[in-house]
C-alpha cells in the first residue's frame, strides 16, 4: 500500500529542511510527489500574514468617541459617518498620531 500524498509531501518538506543544499526537484523525485505540488505546499506554509490588529484608538479615546456620539444623540442629532470619522481624525491629530485611512474606517 502506498503512502498518502500528504504524508509524502510532509516528509519531503522535512527532508528539504534537513538538507538545505538540495533542491525541490530532488525531494519531489525521492518522495514521488509532483514538484509543483511540493512547491505550492512549501509556499503555502511560508505565507506572511499582513495587517493584524488594526486598533488605532486607545480605550480612553474610544470612550471619548462614544461620549461624543451620545452627546450628539441627546441633542436630537444623528451623527453621520463623516462626522464620526472627523472626530477620530481629530483625536489622532491631538495625540500626534497619523489619521486613519478611510478604508480603515469602513471596516
Protein backbone atom coordinates (compact mmCIF):
# COMPACT_ATOMS: atom_id res chain seq x y z
CA UNK A 1 0.00 0.00 0.00
CA UNK A 2 1.43 3.39 -0.99
CA UNK A 3 1.92 6.28 1.41
CA UNK A 4 -0.76 9.01 1.22
CA UNK A 5 0.26 12.11 -0.73
CA UNK A 6 0.01 14.44 2.28
CA UNK A 7 2.41 12.31 4.26
CA UNK A 8 4.87 12.16 1.35
CA UNK A 9 4.71 15.94 0.97
CA UNK A 10 5.32 16.36 4.69
CA UNK A 11 8.31 14.01 4.55
CA UNK A 12 9.68 15.84 1.50
CA UNK A 13 9.40 19.18 3.28
CA UNK A 14 11.14 17.77 6.36
CA UNK A 15 13.86 16.28 4.18
CA UNK A 16 14.40 19.62 2.44
CA UNK A 17 14.68 21.34 5.83
CA UNK A 18 17.34 18.82 6.88
CA UNK A 19 19.15 19.11 3.53
CA UNK A 20 19.12 22.80 2.63
CA UNK A 21 21.62 22.34 -0.21
CA UNK A 22 19.20 20.10 -2.13
CA UNK A 23 16.51 21.49 -4.39
CA UNK A 24 12.80 20.75 -4.58
CA UNK A 25 13.10 18.65 -7.72
CA UNK A 26 15.29 16.11 -5.95
CA UNK A 27 12.91 15.92 -3.00
CA UNK A 28 9.94 15.54 -5.34
CA UNK A 29 11.60 12.60 -7.10
CA UNK A 30 12.69 10.93 -3.85
CA UNK A 31 9.25 11.11 -2.27
CA UNK A 32 7.29 10.59 -5.51
CA UNK A 33 5.34 13.83 -5.44
CA UNK A 34 4.74 16.37 -8.16
CA UNK A 35 7.34 19.14 -8.00
CA UNK A 36 4.77 21.92 -8.36
CA UNK A 37 2.60 20.35 -5.64
CA UNK A 38 5.59 20.30 -3.31
CA UNK A 39 6.45 23.86 -4.24
CA UNK A 40 2.90 25.06 -3.51
CA UNK A 41 2.89 23.22 -0.16
CA UNK A 42 6.13 24.97 0.80
CA UNK A 43 4.89 28.38 -0.35
CA UNK A 44 1.59 27.88 1.46
CA UNK A 45 3.41 27.47 4.78
CA UNK A 46 5.64 30.48 4.16
CA UNK A 47 2.80 32.97 3.73
CA UNK A 48 3.42 36.02 5.85
CA UNK A 49 0.28 37.47 7.30
CA UNK A 50 -0.25 41.11 6.53
CA UNK A 51 -2.02 43.52 8.76
CA UNK A 52 -3.15 42.47 12.14
CA UNK A 53 -4.96 44.13 14.93
CA UNK A 54 -5.96 47.46 13.47
CA UNK A 55 -6.51 49.14 16.80
CA UNK A 56 -5.96 52.83 16.25
CA UNK A 57 -7.71 54.26 19.29
CA UNK A 58 -6.86 53.57 22.89
CA UNK A 59 -9.64 52.55 25.25
CA UNK A 60 -9.98 56.11 26.58
CA UNK A 61 -10.05 57.58 23.06
CA UNK A 62 -12.69 55.06 22.07
CA UNK A 63 -14.72 56.07 25.13
CA UNK A 64 -14.41 59.72 24.06
CA UNK A 65 -15.86 58.85 20.64
CA UNK A 66 -18.73 57.00 22.33
CA UNK A 67 -19.38 60.00 24.58
CA UNK A 68 -19.37 62.32 21.56
CA UNK A 69 -21.93 60.12 19.79
CA UNK A 70 -24.13 60.00 22.90
CA UNK A 71 -23.95 63.79 23.23
CA UNK A 72 -24.97 64.18 19.60
CA UNK A 73 -27.91 61.80 20.08
CA UNK A 74 -29.04 63.55 23.29
CA UNK A 75 -29.29 66.78 21.30
CA UNK A 76 -31.56 65.09 18.78
CA UNK A 77 -28.95 64.89 16.04
CA UNK A 78 -27.79 61.80 14.23
CA UNK A 79 -24.01 61.84 13.69
CA UNK A 80 -23.02 60.87 10.16
CA UNK A 81 -20.12 58.61 9.30
CA UNK A 82 -18.17 61.64 8.11
CA UNK A 83 -18.64 63.40 11.46
CA UNK A 84 -17.51 60.34 13.42
CA UNK A 85 -14.53 59.88 11.11
CA UNK A 86 -13.66 63.55 11.61
CA UNK A 87 -13.73 63.11 15.39
CA UNK A 88 -11.43 60.09 15.15
CA UNK A 89 -9.03 62.03 12.90
CA UNK A 90 -9.08 64.94 15.36
CA UNK A 91 -8.33 62.64 18.31
CA UNK A 92 -5.42 61.10 16.39
CA UNK A 93 -4.10 64.55 15.46
CA UNK A 94 -4.22 65.69 19.09
CA UNK A 95 -2.21 62.63 20.09
CA UNK A 96 0.41 63.35 17.40
CA UNK A 97 -0.64 60.19 15.54
CA UNK A 98 -1.35 59.95 11.81
CA UNK A 99 -5.04 59.93 10.92
CA UNK A 100 -6.56 56.59 9.95
CA UNK A 101 -7.39 55.86 6.35
CA UNK A 102 -10.94 55.94 5.06
CA UNK A 103 -10.66 52.22 4.26
CA UNK A 104 -9.81 51.53 7.93
CA UNK A 105 -12.95 53.38 8.99
CA UNK A 106 -15.16 51.43 6.59
CA UNK A 107 -14.07 48.08 8.01
